Amino acid sequence: MMAELRRRYPKIGRQMQNLYDDGRISTTDPGRFTPEDVKEYVRFQRQRGLKPTSISHDISAIANLCNYVGNSAAVLEARARYPLLFPKRENKRLPVVERPQFEVIKKMSETLTAESDPRRIRAYAEVMLAFGIGPRTEELQHILVDNVSPDMSSVFLDFVKGRGTYGSARTVPIRPECLHAVRIWMEVDSVSSRFLFHTRNGTMLSTMQLTRDRLLVCRETGIDFDFRACRRTYAQYILDEERLSTEELAIILGHSSSKTTETSYARPRNDRVVNKLIESWKESE
């Protein structure tokens, strides 16, 4: 969160300065922003062709800054005066990796042996564990060897989103079908490291290194996905196959509300709900 704000605010500051130099806004001081200044900034972003979500993130950052300096009216009044100018954020759930595609990745991972290339073993182990527990990328990076239960039935995730401000550590069950590559990796890994996935020196993998490993799997299987898709897939499969409620699934995903789970990750599919009711009625006859 802080890293994102450190990146976003300097960018907004430069854009505001350019707008001020061009005479499009009256000030660069958030404490004196007017609704017209906010309107011009939104128009500028729309003219640049930015996605609605990106514009919304910038406006939220400006609103927070204005609120902090006691100028809460600027963004609120701009929204009220020019409602059609402001983008509506879409909370559309992105797709999951469907079963046929997942089976391709799974079967490829099951061809690994202790004699396979260690880089490939690590890559498939990372991906299959991502499908197996649905972690956020940072959580996957920070998994320690000791976080994996002795029987490999669960993983304790103690590096959580919003650490220090919100979020809590949680134990996540591992889908058994995702374990083969993870077992092979733990068997052949000879580097002394507290991290489950690590560099040759035993240090934690960077986000870029995780990305390279994932792309290796994408190339070999012909399936395009990212780690966020793994998280959504884990959530949807549990909802489809294990009959957990969205409230229970929210706990596993580390969401403070099931609304986040339903909106962005998983919700019962129509055909599953219909079939469940039909089967229930048949059993009651």
C-alpha atoms as a PDB file:
ATOM      1  CA  MET A   1       0.000   0.000   0.000  1.00  0.00           C
ATOM      2  CA  MET A   2       2.671   2.540   1.011  1.00  0.00           C
ATOM      3  CA  ALA A   3       4.830   1.635  -1.980  1.00  0.00           C
ATOM      4  CA  GLU A   4       1.852   2.223  -4.270  1.00  0.00           C
ATOM      5  CA  LEU A   5       1.152   5.625  -2.713  1.00  0.00           C
ATOM      6  CA  ARG A   6       4.819   6.630  -2.989  1.00  0.00           C
ATOM      7  CA  ARG A   7       4.586   5.898  -6.701  1.00  0.00           C
ATOM      8  CA  ARG A   8       1.163   7.437  -7.284  1.00  0.00           C
ATOM      9  CA  TYR A   9       1.467  10.800  -5.488  1.00  0.00           C
ATOM     10  CA  PRO A  10       4.631  12.033  -7.284  1.00  0.00           C
ATOM     11  CA  LYS A  11       3.002  11.125 -10.606  1.00  0.00           C
ATOM     12  CA  ILE A  12      -0.156  13.062  -9.699  1.00  0.00           C
ATOM     13  CA  GLY A  13       1.998  15.984  -8.533  1.00  0.00           C
ATOM     14  CA  ARG A  14       3.785  16.174 -11.890  1.00  0.00           C
ATOM     15  CA  GLN A  15       0.498  16.021 -13.776  1.00  0.00           C
ATOM     16  CA  MET A  16      -1.024  18.749 -11.620  1.00  0.00           C
ATOM     17  CA  GLN A  17       2.009  20.966 -12.174  1.00  0.00           C
ATOM     18  CA  ASN A  18       1.676  20.525 -15.961  1.00  0.00           C
ATOM     19  CA  LEU A  19      -2.025  21.392 -15.803  1.00  0.00           C
ATOM     20  CA  TYR A  20      -1.241  24.470 -13.709  1.00  0.00           C
ATOM     21  CA  ASP A  21       1.484  25.575 -16.140  1.00  0.00           C
ATOM     22  CA  ASP A  22      -1.046  25.205 -18.984  1.00  0.00           C
ATOM     23  CA  GLY A  23      -3.581  27.326 -17.097  1.00  0.00           C
ATOM     24  CA  ARG A  24      -6.099  24.487 -16.773  1.00  0.00           C
ATOM     25  CA  ILE A  25      -6.194  24.447 -12.946  1.00  0.00           C
ATOM     26  CA  SER A  26      -5.949  27.280 -10.445  1.00  0.00           C
ATOM     27  CA  THR A  27      -3.477  25.784  -7.979  1.00  0.00           C
ATOM     28  CA  THR A  28      -1.295  22.804  -7.106  1.00  0.00           C
ATOM     29  CA  ASP A  29      -2.072  23.117  -3.401  1.00  0.00           C
ATOM     30  CA  PRO A  30      -4.486  20.315  -2.307  1.00  0.00           C
ATOM     31  CA  GLY A  31      -5.754  22.551   0.460  1.00  0.00           C
ATOM     32  CA  ARG A  32      -7.045  25.022  -2.144  1.00  0.00           C
ATOM     33  CA  PHE A  33      -8.221  22.634  -4.869  1.00  0.00           C
ATOM     34  CA  THR A  34     -11.647  23.593  -6.222  1.00  0.00           C
ATOM     35  CA  PRO A  35     -14.251  21.276  -7.763  1.00  0.00           C
ATOM     36  CA  GLU A  36     -13.290  22.814 -11.122  1.00  0.00           C
ATOM     37  CA  ASP A  37      -9.650  21.826 -10.579  1.00  0.00           C
ATOM     38  CA  VAL A  38     -10.690  18.252  -9.851  1.00  0.00           C
ATOM     39  CA  LYS A  39     -12.938  18.249 -12.917  1.00  0.00           C
ATOM     40  CA  GLU A  40     -10.046  19.374 -15.133  1.00  0.00           C
ATOM     41  CA  TYR A  41      -7.814  16.632 -13.741  1.00  0.00           C
ATOM     42  CA  VAL A  42     -10.435  13.986 -14.526  1.00  0.00           C
ATOM     43  CA  ARG A  43     -10.879  15.398 -18.044  1.00  0.00           C
ATOM     44  CA  PHE A  44      -7.101  15.301 -18.515  1.00  0.00           C
ATOM     45  CA  GLN A  45      -6.955  11.633 -17.482  1.00  0.00           C
ATOM     46  CA  ARG A  46      -9.865  10.689 -19.726  1.00  0.00           C
ATOM     47  CA  GLN A  47      -8.223  12.466 -22.667  1.00  0.00           C
ATOM     48  CA  ARG A  48      -5.121  10.375 -22.069  1.00  0.00           C
ATOM     49  CA  GLY A  49      -7.250   7.265 -22.512  1.00  0.00           C
ATOM     50  CA  LEU A  50      -6.644   5.882 -19.039  1.00  0.00           C
ATOM     51  CA  LYS A  51      -8.767   2.974 -17.871  1.00  0.00           C
ATOM     52  CA  PRO A  52     -11.642   3.864 -15.519  1.00  0.00           C
ATOM     53  CA  THR A  53     -10.040   1.878 -12.687  1.00  0.00           C
ATOM     54  CA  SER A  54      -6.780   3.835 -12.988  1.00  0.00           C
ATOM     55  CA  ILE A  55      -8.625   7.162 -12.967  1.00  0.00           C
ATOM     56  CA  SER A  56     -10.650   6.060  -9.955  1.00  0.00           C
ATOM     57  CA  HIS A  57      -7.479   5.129  -8.053  1.00  0.00           C
ATOM     58  CA  ASP A  58      -5.987   8.555  -8.775  1.00  0.00           C
ATOM     59  CA  ILE A  59      -9.144  10.377  -7.722  1.00  0.00           C
ATOM     60  CA  SER A  60      -9.291   8.362  -4.501  1.00  0.00           C
ATOM     61  CA  ALA A  61      -5.686   9.338  -3.784  1.00  0.00           C
ATOM     62  CA  ILE A  62      -6.493  13.024  -4.395  1.00  0.00           C
ATOM     63  CA  ALA A  63      -9.592  12.783  -2.198  1.00  0.00           C
ATOM     64  CA  ASN A  64      -7.568  11.270   0.651  1.00  0.00           C
ATOM     65  CA  LEU A  65      -4.963  14.012   0.350  1.00  0.00           C
ATOM     66  CA  CYS A  66      -7.619  16.741   0.278  1.00  0.00           C
ATOM     67  CA  ASN A  67      -9.338  15.230   3.308  1.00  0.00           C
ATOM     68  CA  TYR A  68      -6.014  15.178   5.163  1.00  0.00           C
ATOM     69  CA  VAL A  69      -5.474  18.933   4.641  1.00  0.00           C
ATOM     70  CA  GLY A  70      -9.078  19.820   5.451  1.00  0.00           C
ATOM     71  CA  ASN A  71     -10.430  20.292   1.941  1.00  0.00           C
ATOM     72  CA  SER A  72     -12.895  17.416   1.764  1.00  0.00           C
ATOM     73  CA  ALA A  73     -15.404  19.382  -0.329  1.00  0.00           C
ATOM     74  CA  ALA A  74     -13.327  19.580  -3.526  1.00  0.00           C
ATOM     75  CA  VAL A  75     -13.742  16.002  -4.765  1.00  0.00           C
ATOM     76  CA  LEU A  76     -17.214  15.550  -3.276  1.00  0.00           C
ATOM     77  CA  GLU A  77     -18.583  18.641  -4.987  1.00  0.00           C
ATOM     78  CA  ALA A  78     -16.891  17.762  -8.271  1.00  0.00           C
ATOM     79  CA  ARG A  79     -18.562  14.347  -8.227  1.00  0.00           C
ATOM     80  CA  ALA A  80     -21.932  15.957  -7.443  1.00  0.00           C
ATOM     81  CA  ARG A  81     -21.647  18.589 -10.192  1.00  0.00           C
ATOM     82  CA  TYR A  82     -20.196  16.352 -12.916  1.00  0.00           C
ATOM     83  CA  PRO A  83     -21.408  12.801 -12.224  1.00  0.00           C
ATOM     84  CA  LEU A  84     -21.118  11.686 -15.844  1.00  0.00           C
ATOM     85  CA  LEU A  85     -17.475  12.744 -16.030  1.00  0.00           C
ATOM     86  CA  PHE A  86     -16.349  10.471 -13.222  1.00  0.00           C
ATOM     87  CA  PRO A  87     -15.859   6.810 -14.174  1.00  0.00           C
ATOM     88  CA  LYS A  88     -17.739   4.133 -12.342  1.00  0.00           C
ATOM     89  CA  ARG A  89     -15.421   1.464 -11.064  1.00  0.00           C
ATOM     90  CA  GLU A  90     -16.310  -1.949 -12.379  1.00  0.00           C
ATOM     91  CA  ASN A  91     -16.030  -4.843  -9.966  1.00  0.00           C
ATOM     92  CA  LYS A  92     -16.092  -7.480 -12.628  1.00  0.00           C
ATOM     93  CA  ARG A  93     -14.755 -10.869 -11.675  1.00  0.00           C
ATOM     94  CA  LEU A  94     -11.916 -11.941 -13.922  1.00  0.00           C
ATOM     95  CA  PRO A  95     -11.858 -15.472 -15.358  1.00  0.00           C
ATOM     96  CA  VAL A  96     -10.438 -18.551 -13.667  1.00  0.00           C
ATOM     97  CA  VAL A  97      -8.347 -21.330 -15.180  1.00  0.00           C
ATOM     98  CA  GLU A  98     -11.004 -23.826 -16.196  1.00  0.00           C
ATOM     99  CA  ARG A  99     -10.672 -27.532 -15.456  1.00  0.00           C
ATOM    100  CA  PRO A 100      -9.400 -28.706 -18.864  1.00  0.00           C
ATOM    101  CA  GLN A 101      -6.615 -26.099 -18.796  1.00  0.00           C
ATOM    102  CA  PHE A 102      -5.774 -26.822 -15.179  1.00  0.00           C
ATOM    103  CA  GLU A 103      -5.504 -30.536 -15.974  1.00  0.00           C
ATOM    104  CA  VAL A 104      -2.893 -29.761 -18.645  1.00  0.00           C
ATOM    105  CA  ILE A 105      -0.766 -27.872 -16.091  1.00  0.00           C
ATOM    106  CA  LYS A 106      -1.302 -30.546 -13.441  1.00  0.00           C
ATOM    107  CA  LYS A 107      -0.358 -33.433 -15.743  1.00  0.00           C
ATOM    108  CA  MET A 108       2.790 -31.640 -16.849  1.00  0.00           C
ATOM    109  CA  SER A 109       3.754 -31.092 -13.207  1.00  0.00           C
ATOM    110  CA  GLU A 110       3.231 -34.795 -12.492  1.00  0.00           C
ATOM    111  CA  THR A 111       5.870 -35.739 -15.072  1.00  0.00           C
ATOM    112  CA  LEU A 112       8.550 -34.214 -12.836  1.00  0.00           C
ATOM    113  CA  THR A 113      10.962 -36.496 -11.013  1.00  0.00           C
ATOM    114  CA  ALA A 114      13.875 -35.924  -8.678  1.00  0.00           C
ATOM    115  CA  GLU A 115      16.145 -36.004 -11.750  1.00  0.00           C
ATOM    116  CA  SER A 116      14.318 -33.142 -13.517  1.00  0.00           C
ATOM    117  CA  ASP A 117      15.858 -29.692 -13.948  1.00  0.00           C
ATOM    118  CA  PRO A 118      15.674 -28.000 -10.494  1.00  0.00           C
ATOM    119  CA  ARG A 119      14.537 -24.735 -12.090  1.00  0.00           C
ATOM    120  CA  ARG A 120      11.559 -26.507 -13.684  1.00  0.00           C
ATOM    121  CA  ILE A 121      10.752 -28.290 -10.437  1.00  0.00           C
ATOM    122  CA  ARG A 122      10.754 -24.997  -8.530  1.00  0.00           C
ATOM    123  CA  ALA A 123       8.629 -23.283 -11.181  1.00  0.00           C
ATOM    124  CA  TYR A 124       5.955 -25.988 -11.201  1.00  0.00           C
ATOM    125  CA  ALA A 125       6.043 -26.249  -7.407  1.00  0.00           C
ATOM    126  CA  GLU A 126       5.354 -22.512  -7.110  1.00  0.00           C
ATOM    127  CA  VAL A 127       2.527 -22.611  -9.623  1.00  0.00           C
ATOM    128  CA  MET A 128       0.895 -25.743  -8.238  1.00  0.00           C
ATOM    129  CA  LEU A 129       1.079 -24.434  -4.677  1.00  0.00           C
ATOM    130  CA  ALA A 130      -0.501 -21.200  -5.919  1.00  0.00           C
ATOM    131  CA  PHE A 131      -3.345 -23.270  -7.370  1.00  0.00           C
ATOM    132  CA  GLY A 132      -3.342 -25.357  -4.215  1.00  0.00           C
ATOM    133  CA  ILE A 133      -3.733 -22.634  -1.571  1.00  0.00           C
ATOM    134  CA  GLY A 134      -4.712 -19.452  -3.463  1.00  0.00           C
ATOM    135  CA  PRO A 135      -2.184 -17.077  -1.867  1.00  0.00           C
ATOM    136  CA  ARG A 136      -1.480 -13.491  -2.763  1.00  0.00           C
ATOM    137  CA  THR A 137       1.875 -13.161  -4.561  1.00  0.00           C
ATOM    138  CA  GLU A 138       3.594 -11.666  -1.515  1.00  0.00           C
ATOM    139  CA  GLU A 139       2.250 -14.480   0.628  1.00  0.00           C
ATOM    140  CA  LEU A 140       3.672 -17.044  -1.803  1.00  0.00           C
ATOM    141  CA  GLN A 141       7.053 -15.304  -1.679  1.00  0.00           C
ATOM    142  CA  HIS A 142       7.207 -15.346   2.112  1.00  0.00           C
ATOM    143  CA  ILE A 143       6.142 -18.942   2.803  1.00  0.00           C
ATOM    144  CA  LEU A 144       8.689 -20.555   5.092  1.00  0.00           C
ATOM    145  CA  VAL A 145       9.589 -24.226   5.118  1.00  0.00           C
ATOM    146  CA  ASP A 146       8.281 -24.401   8.680  1.00  0.00           C
ATOM    147  CA  ASN A 147       4.935 -22.948   7.545  1.00  0.00           C
ATOM    148  CA  VAL A 148       4.090 -26.186   5.734  1.00  0.00           C
ATOM    149  CA  SER A 149       2.450 -28.749   8.003  1.00  0.00           C
ATOM    150  CA  PRO A 150       4.375 -32.040   8.444  1.00  0.00           C
ATOM    151  CA  ASP A 151       1.678 -34.002   6.586  1.00  0.00           C
ATOM    152  CA  MET A 152       1.512 -31.293   3.869  1.00  0.00           C
ATOM    153  CA  SER A 153      -2.202 -30.813   4.388  1.00  0.00           C
ATOM    154  CA  SER A 154      -1.998 -27.076   5.064  1.00  0.00           C
ATOM    155  CA  VAL A 155       0.172 -23.964   4.967  1.00  0.00           C
ATOM    156  CA  PHE A 156       0.305 -21.254   7.613  1.00  0.00           C
ATOM    157  CA  LEU A 157       0.365 -17.822   5.952  1.00  0.00           C
ATOM    158  CA  ASP A 158       1.744 -15.296   8.407  1.00  0.00           C
ATOM    159  CA  PHE A 159       2.873 -12.605   5.945  1.00  0.00           C
ATOM    160  CA  VAL A 160      -0.512 -11.054   5.306  1.00  0.00           C
ATOM    161  CA  LYS A 161      -1.874  -8.118   3.337  1.00  0.00           C
ATOM    162  CA  GLY A 162      -1.990  -4.881   5.311  1.00  0.00           C
ATOM    163  CA  ARG A 163       0.489  -6.225   7.846  1.00  0.00           C
ATOM    164  CA  GLY A 164       0.522  -4.022  10.904  1.00  0.00           C
ATOM    165  CA  THR A 165      -2.754  -2.288  10.026  1.00  0.00           C
ATOM    166  CA  TYR A 166      -5.243  -4.992   9.079  1.00  0.00           C
ATOM    167  CA  GLY A 167      -5.345  -8.620   8.062  1.00  0.00           C
ATOM    168  CA  SER A 168      -4.481 -11.626  10.175  1.00  0.00           C
ATOM    169  CA  ALA A 169      -2.406 -14.770   9.796  1.00  0.00           C
ATOM    170  CA  ARG A 170      -4.334 -17.835   8.686  1.00  0.00           C
ATOM    171  CA  THR A 171      -3.967 -21.534   8.003  1.00  0.00           C
ATOM    172  CA  VAL A 172      -4.943 -22.573   4.472  1.00  0.00           C
ATOM    173  CA  PRO A 173      -5.692 -26.164   3.391  1.00  0.00           C
ATOM    174  CA  ILE A 174      -3.758 -27.469   0.370  1.00  0.00           C
ATOM    175  CA  ARG A 175      -5.670 -29.145  -2.427  1.00  0.00           C
ATOM    176  CA  PRO A 176      -4.130 -32.675  -2.463  1.00  0.00           C
ATOM    177  CA  GLU A 177      -4.070 -32.840  -6.278  1.00  0.00           C
ATOM    178  CA  CYS A 178      -1.574 -29.959  -6.324  1.00  0.00           C
ATOM    179  CA  LEU A 179       1.090 -31.553  -4.132  1.00  0.00           C
ATOM    180  CA  HIS A 180       3.268 -33.647  -6.470  1.00  0.00           C
ATOM    181  CA  ALA A 181       5.598 -30.883  -7.664  1.00  0.00           C
ATOM    182  CA  VAL A 182       5.811 -29.387  -4.163  1.00  0.00           C
ATOM    183  CA  ARG A 183       6.871 -32.741  -2.729  1.00  0.00           C
ATOM    184  CA  ILE A 184       9.522 -33.178  -5.421  1.00  0.00           C
ATOM    185  CA  TRP A 185      10.869 -29.672  -4.772  1.00  0.00           C
ATOM    186  CA  MET A 186      11.134 -30.258  -1.022  1.00  0.00           C
ATOM    187  CA  GLU A 187      12.846 -33.593  -1.707  1.00  0.00           C
ATOM    188  CA  VAL A 188      15.539 -32.257  -4.051  1.00  0.00           C
ATOM    189  CA  ASP A 189      16.057 -28.812  -2.494  1.00  0.00           C
ATOM    190  CA  SER A 190      19.561 -28.901  -1.032  1.00  0.00           C
ATOM    191  CA  VAL A 191      19.979 -25.205  -0.253  1.00  0.00           C
ATOM    192  CA  SER A 192      19.722 -24.240   3.397  1.00  0.00           C
ATOM    193  CA  SER A 193      17.021 -21.577   3.477  1.00  0.00           C
ATOM    194  CA  ARG A 194      14.109 -20.720   5.706  1.00  0.00           C
ATOM    195  CA  PHE A 195      12.085 -19.814   2.597  1.00  0.00           C
ATOM    196  CA  LEU A 196      10.225 -22.596   0.817  1.00  0.00           C
ATOM    197  CA  PHE A 197      10.998 -21.012  -2.577  1.00  0.00           C
ATOM    198  CA  HIS A 198      14.344 -19.260  -2.785  1.00  0.00           C
ATOM    199  CA  THR A 199      17.332 -18.303  -4.885  1.00  0.00           C
ATOM    200  CA  ARG A 200      20.545 -20.338  -5.104  1.00  0.00           C
ATOM    201  CA  ASN A 201      21.828 -18.210  -2.232  1.00  0.00           C
ATOM    202  CA  GLY A 202      18.822 -19.063  -0.077  1.00  0.00           C
ATOM    203  CA  THR A 203      17.270 -15.594  -0.229  1.00  0.00           C
ATOM    204  CA  MET A 204      13.601 -14.923  -0.907  1.00  0.00           C
ATOM    205  CA  LEU A 205      12.575 -14.878  -4.569  1.00  0.00           C
ATOM    206  CA  SER A 206      11.775 -11.483  -6.042  1.00  0.00           C
ATOM    207  CA  THR A 207       8.481 -10.804  -7.795  1.00  0.00           C
ATOM    208  CA  MET A 208      10.370 -10.817 -11.103  1.00  0.00           C
ATOM    209  CA  GLN A 209      11.856 -14.237 -10.379  1.00  0.00           C
ATOM    210  CA  LEU A 210       8.421 -15.602  -9.551  1.00  0.00           C
ATOM    211  CA  THR A 211       7.147 -14.146 -12.809  1.00  0.00           C
ATOM    212  CA  ARG A 212       9.941 -15.808 -14.795  1.00  0.00           C
ATOM    213  CA  ASP A 213       9.135 -19.165 -13.203  1.00  0.00           C
ATOM    214  CA  ARG A 214       5.425 -18.759 -13.972  1.00  0.00           C
ATOM    215  CA  LEU A 215       6.170 -17.842 -17.584  1.00  0.00           C
ATOM    216  CA  LEU A 216       8.267 -20.998 -17.900  1.00  0.00           C
ATOM    217  CA  VAL A 217       5.175 -23.021 -16.977  1.00  0.00           C
ATOM    218  CA  CYS A 218       3.005 -20.939 -19.328  1.00  0.00           C
ATOM    219  CA  ARG A 219       5.352 -21.608 -22.239  1.00  0.00           C
ATOM    220  CA  GLU A 220       5.620 -25.347 -21.608  1.00  0.00           C
ATOM    221  CA  THR A 221       1.890 -25.896 -21.151  1.00  0.00           C
ATOM    222  CA  GLY A 222       0.575 -23.336 -23.624  1.00  0.00           C
ATOM    223  CA  ILE A 223      -1.748 -21.989 -20.913  1.00  0.00           C
ATOM    224  CA  ASP A 224      -1.630 -18.249 -20.191  1.00  0.00           C
ATOM    225  CA  PHE A 225      -2.337 -17.320 -16.552  1.00  0.00           C
ATOM    226  CA  ASP A 226      -0.963 -15.237 -13.707  1.00  0.00           C
ATOM    227  CA  PHE A 227      -0.807 -15.789  -9.954  1.00  0.00           C
ATOM    228  CA  ARG A 228      -4.012 -13.808  -9.428  1.00  0.00           C
ATOM    229  CA  ALA A 229      -5.753 -16.291 -11.716  1.00  0.00           C
ATOM    230  CA  CYS A 230      -4.396 -19.087  -9.504  1.00  0.00           C
ATOM    231  CA  ARG A 231      -5.978 -17.405  -6.482  1.00  0.00           C
ATOM    232  CA  ARG A 232      -9.339 -16.981  -8.220  1.00  0.00           C
ATOM    233  CA  THR A 233      -9.200 -20.565  -9.475  1.00  0.00           C
ATOM    234  CA  TYR A 234      -8.542 -21.909  -5.987  1.00  0.00           C
ATOM    235  CA  ALA A 235     -11.526 -19.948  -4.694  1.00  0.00           C
ATOM    236  CA  GLN A 236     -13.919 -20.973  -7.472  1.00  0.00           C
ATOM    237  CA  TYR A 237     -12.981 -24.664  -7.332  1.00  0.00           C
ATOM    238  CA  ILE A 238     -13.593 -24.751  -3.591  1.00  0.00           C
ATOM    239  CA  LEU A 239     -16.966 -23.109  -4.033  1.00  0.00           C
ATOM    240  CA  ASP A 240     -17.875 -25.458  -6.885  1.00  0.00           C
ATOM    241  CA  GLU A 241     -16.597 -28.726  -5.488  1.00  0.00           C
ATOM    242  CA  GLU A 242     -16.376 -28.507  -1.711  1.00  0.00           C
ATOM    243  CA  ARG A 243     -19.703 -26.788  -1.041  1.00  0.00           C
ATOM    244  CA  LEU A 244     -18.266 -24.175   1.307  1.00  0.00           C
ATOM    245  CA  SER A 245     -20.239 -20.980   1.805  1.00  0.00           C
ATOM    246  CA  THR A 246     -18.792 -17.677   0.604  1.00  0.00           C
ATOM    247  CA  GLU A 247     -18.437 -16.655   4.252  1.00  0.00           C
ATOM    248  CA  GLU A 248     -16.257 -19.705   4.943  1.00  0.00           C
ATOM    249  CA  LEU A 249     -14.292 -19.165   1.740  1.00  0.00           C
ATOM    250  CA  ALA A 250     -13.641 -15.535   2.731  1.00  0.00           C
ATOM    251  CA  ILE A 251     -11.870 -16.768   5.873  1.00  0.00           C
ATOM    252  CA  ILE A 252      -9.597 -19.041   3.842  1.00  0.00           C
ATOM    253  CA  LEU A 253      -8.765 -16.254   1.367  1.00  0.00           C
ATOM    254  CA  GLY A 254      -8.057 -13.776   4.150  1.00  0.00           C
ATOM    255  CA  HIS A 255     -10.881 -11.408   3.258  1.00  0.00           C
ATOM    256  CA  SER A 256     -12.450  -9.321   6.003  1.00  0.00           C
ATOM    257  CA  SER A 257     -15.811  -9.528   4.234  1.00  0.00           C
ATOM    258  CA  SER A 258     -17.475 -12.112   2.011  1.00  0.00           C
ATOM    259  CA  LYS A 259     -18.532  -9.204  -0.228  1.00  0.00           C
ATOM    260  CA  THR A 260     -14.958  -8.981  -1.540  1.00  0.00           C
ATOM    261  CA  THR A 261     -14.977 -12.725  -2.180  1.00  0.00           C
ATOM    262  CA  GLU A 262     -18.260 -12.638  -4.103  1.00  0.00           C
ATOM    263  CA  THR A 263     -17.453  -9.489  -6.061  1.00  0.00           C
ATOM    264  CA  SER A 264     -13.918 -10.209  -7.231  1.00  0.00           C
ATOM    265  CA  TYR A 265     -13.086 -13.870  -6.693  1.00  0.00           C
ATOM    266  CA  ALA A 266     -15.852 -16.451  -6.681  1.00  0.00           C
ATOM    267  CA  ARG A 267     -19.556 -16.943  -6.341  1.00  0.00           C
ATOM    268  CA  PRO A 268     -21.752 -20.016  -6.839  1.00  0.00           C
ATOM    269  CA  ARG A 269     -22.180 -20.764 -10.547  1.00  0.00           C
ATOM    270  CA  ASN A 270     -25.743 -20.898 -11.816  1.00  0.00           C
ATOM    271  CA  ASP A 271     -25.556 -24.465 -13.128  1.00  0.00           C
ATOM    272  CA  ARG A 272     -24.114 -25.727  -9.848  1.00  0.00           C
ATOM    273  CA  VAL A 273     -26.883 -24.102  -7.827  1.00  0.00           C
ATOM    274  CA  VAL A 274     -29.583 -25.461 -10.139  1.00  0.00           C
ATOM    275  CA  ASN A 275     -28.160 -28.998 -10.081  1.00  0.00           C
ATOM    276  CA  LYS A 276     -27.785 -28.896  -6.306  1.00  0.00           C
ATOM    277  CA  LEU A 277     -31.459 -28.018  -5.908  1.00  0.00           C
ATOM    278  CA  ILE A 278     -32.563 -30.693  -8.393  1.00  0.00           C
ATOM    279  CA  GLU A 279     -30.521 -33.357  -6.575  1.00  0.00           C
ATOM    280  CA  SER A 280     -31.853 -32.196  -3.224  1.00  0.00           C
ATOM    281  CA  TRP A 281     -35.454 -32.462  -4.423  1.00  0.00           C
ATOM    282  CA  LYS A 282     -34.842 -35.909  -5.918  1.00  0.00           C
ATOM    283  CA  GLU A 283     -33.472 -37.144  -2.609  1.00  0.00           C
ATOM    284  CA  SER A 284     -36.538 -35.852  -0.760  1.00  0.00           C
ATOM    285  CA  GLU A 285     -39.015 -37.670  -3.007  1.00  0.00           C
END
